[in-house]
Amino acid sequence: MARGFEQTIRWRVPCTSVRWRGKAEVVMSVADPIGNSPAMIDIRTRRTIEHHKGEGFTKEGVRLTQEDAMSLAKALLHTLEELRETNDSDK
């Protein structure tokens, strides 16, 4: 039985936390397991070449099922709409 997965990065942004600033980025990727398992969404800190250990993924992050990712997307959209309304009413 084959193990592991292929990972395709779909989105990235430089890290802004003090610990990782200039050394890493946050990436969202599709983790497609080798075998019969469904693909999952992976959001993780990824070290860049500027880091002393070199490039690579860290343990900091989450892996979401497609259903959990959809739930998170809805929650993000709802939160962004509320923030936009709050910002508009402050002006």
Protein backbone atom coordinates (compact mmCIF):
# COMPACT_ATOMS: atom_id res chain seq x y z
CA MET A 1 0.00 0.00 0.00
CA ALA A 2 1.39 3.42 -0.97
CA ARG A 3 1.73 6.05 1.74
CA GLY A 4 2.07 9.81 1.68
CA PHE A 5 0.42 12.50 -0.37
CA GLU A 6 1.01 15.10 -3.03
CA GLN A 7 0.74 18.69 -1.90
CA THR A 8 -0.07 21.60 -4.23
CA ILE A 9 0.21 25.15 -2.86
CA ARG A 10 -2.79 27.29 -3.87
CA TRP A 11 -2.27 30.45 -1.75
CA ARG A 12 0.56 32.01 0.21
CA VAL A 13 1.26 35.16 2.24
CA PRO A 14 4.36 36.19 4.24
CA CYS A 15 4.14 35.52 8.00
CA THR A 16 3.59 38.61 10.11
CA SER A 17 4.14 37.06 13.54
CA VAL A 18 7.30 38.17 15.33
CA ARG A 19 8.65 34.63 15.47
CA TRP A 20 8.41 33.95 11.73
CA ARG A 21 8.60 37.43 10.15
CA GLY A 22 11.03 37.29 7.24
CA LYS A 23 11.63 33.56 7.75
CA ALA A 24 8.36 31.92 6.74
CA GLU A 25 5.04 32.20 4.95
CA VAL A 26 1.54 30.90 5.58
CA VAL A 27 0.36 28.62 2.79
CA MET A 28 -2.88 26.93 1.92
CA SER A 29 -2.42 23.78 -0.07
CA VAL A 30 -4.37 20.77 -1.23
CA ALA A 31 -3.07 17.59 0.38
CA ASP A 32 -4.04 14.79 -1.98
CA PRO A 33 -3.33 11.44 -0.33
CA ILE A 34 -1.92 8.64 -2.43
CA GLY A 35 -4.62 5.98 -2.31
CA ASN A 36 -8.37 6.15 -1.87
CA SER A 37 -8.62 8.91 0.75
CA PRO A 38 -10.25 12.24 -0.22
CA ALA A 39 -8.12 15.37 -0.66
CA MET A 40 -7.88 17.74 2.31
CA ILE A 41 -7.07 21.43 2.77
CA ASP A 42 -3.84 22.14 4.63
CA ILE A 43 -3.12 25.60 6.12
CA ARG A 44 0.38 25.69 7.54
CA THR A 45 3.47 27.76 8.28
CA ARG A 46 6.18 27.02 5.71
CA ARG A 47 9.79 28.02 6.34
CA THR A 48 11.41 29.93 3.49
CA ILE A 49 15.00 29.65 2.34
CA GLU A 50 15.99 32.53 4.66
CA HIS A 51 15.40 30.28 7.70
CA HIS A 52 18.49 28.62 9.21
CA LYS A 53 16.93 25.15 8.78
CA GLY A 54 16.09 25.91 5.17
CA GLU A 55 12.83 25.53 3.32
CA GLY A 56 10.03 23.26 4.52
CA PHE A 57 6.72 22.88 6.30
CA THR A 58 6.42 23.25 10.07
CA LYS A 59 4.05 21.48 12.46
CA GLU A 60 2.20 24.77 12.97
CA GLY A 61 -1.07 24.55 11.09
CA VAL A 62 -4.24 22.60 10.48
CA ARG A 63 -5.48 20.01 8.02
CA LEU A 64 -9.19 20.24 7.25
CA THR A 65 -11.60 17.89 5.56
CA GLN A 66 -13.49 19.40 2.64
CA GLU A 67 -16.57 19.74 4.84
CA ASP A 68 -14.62 21.50 7.61
CA ALA A 69 -12.96 23.80 5.05
CA MET A 70 -16.39 24.76 3.68
CA SER A 71 -17.62 25.50 7.20
CA LEU A 72 -14.52 27.65 7.86
CA ALA A 73 -15.02 29.52 4.55
CA LYS A 74 -18.62 30.35 5.51
CA ALA A 75 -17.53 31.52 8.96
CA LEU A 76 -14.80 33.71 7.44
CA LEU A 77 -17.22 35.29 4.96
CA HIS A 78 -19.78 35.95 7.71
CA THR A 79 -17.12 37.50 9.96
CA LEU A 80 -15.75 39.67 7.14
CA GLU A 81 -19.25 40.94 6.34
CA GLU A 82 -19.79 41.86 10.01
CA LEU A 83 -16.43 43.65 10.15
CA ARG A 84 -17.18 45.53 6.94
CA GLU A 85 -20.55 46.66 8.35
CA THR A 86 -18.87 47.76 11.59
CA ASN A 87 -16.21 49.72 9.69
CA ASP A 88 -18.84 51.35 7.46
CA SER A 89 -20.94 52.46 10.45
CA ASP A 90 -17.84 53.98 12.14
CA LYS A 91 -17.27 56.35 9.21
